[in-house]
Amino acid sequence: MKASRIVSRLGWALLPASLALGSAAAPALAATTWTTVRIATEGAYPPWNMSTPSGKIVGFEPDLSDYLCAHMKVKCVMIAQDWNGVIPGLTAGKYDAIMDGMSATAQREKVIAFSMPYAQTPSQFATLKGGPLAKLPEMNQRLDFTKDPKAAEAALAPLHRALKGRTIGVQVSTIQAAFLKQYFSGDITIRTYPTTQERDLDLQAGRVDAILDSLAYLKPAMGKPTLKDAVLTGPMYAGGVFGAGTAVGLRKGNPHLRAMFNAAIKSALADGTIHKLAIKWFHFDVTPQ
């Protein structure tokens, strides 16, 4: 896996002011007649997207992009781009869109625009089987910080006690990292990693007590070598800092391309394509609720 996602995943939670200003200096947007759309993805965040030994990018998003581009009647070119440069590359005009497991958050919307969500999954902790955190409070309860923020925050009280003094691993600058910093920074040690693979190996080795990530990443990863002894624990977190769902990232001031993606995503939702691809790649439904 590439050393990627240095700036979240389902991240980019915090963006420097210089980057926001840089977006204003992006090259002139293409005309509203599109024949080719260049889409950036990391190719290292399975099963959203991953690279085969031959260099081909496969996964949920490459499959979905094939459908969306056919619906939009455009040729799409998928470009591999490390996570730490994915938004700067978009604003600089190196490509036209991002499909990389990226959540549409208020912080990112200060810099780029988003399509409607094409997937939505909560985040959850994972820890080692039989470990002290294997049965955290509020097990499998959904805490939504947008729909009912007061109730969600109140439900964190027993989790503060259960996690106090623990070390939690998370990918650097992700929405999960932002969540831990906002709600648990006084109770836990947050250990950040440039890649999910490095983080998962540290959990397997017992160097962190738990990790936090999207269920769309964790569920398919369970049982694989780097998470073979892991179990999900505690509540499922959604809303608030986690954003509105996974969406296509686009340059601002480009409503025509956004409308094209939205129409294609609506079609993929209506005819069951997204559900079908979710079952294929994630083994559970990620259709936005």
Foldseek 3Di string as FASTA:
>chain_A
DDLAPQQAFLFVLDDDPVLLVLLVVADDDDDLDAAEFEEEEAQVQPQQWHADPVGDIHHLPVVLVVLLCVLLNHHYHYDHDGHVCPLVCQSNPVGFKYQYNHFDFPNCVSRWDWAAALFAFFKFKKAFPPDQQAAQPQWAAEQACVPCVVVSLVSCVSVLVSCAAFEEEEAHRHLVVVVCVVRRVVGYHYHHGSDVLVRLQCRVVVVGGIYMDTLLRVQVCDCPPSRPRMDTYHYTYHYDSSHQHRTMIGHPPNVSVSVSSNVSSVVCLVVVVQQVSCCVGRVHHGGRD
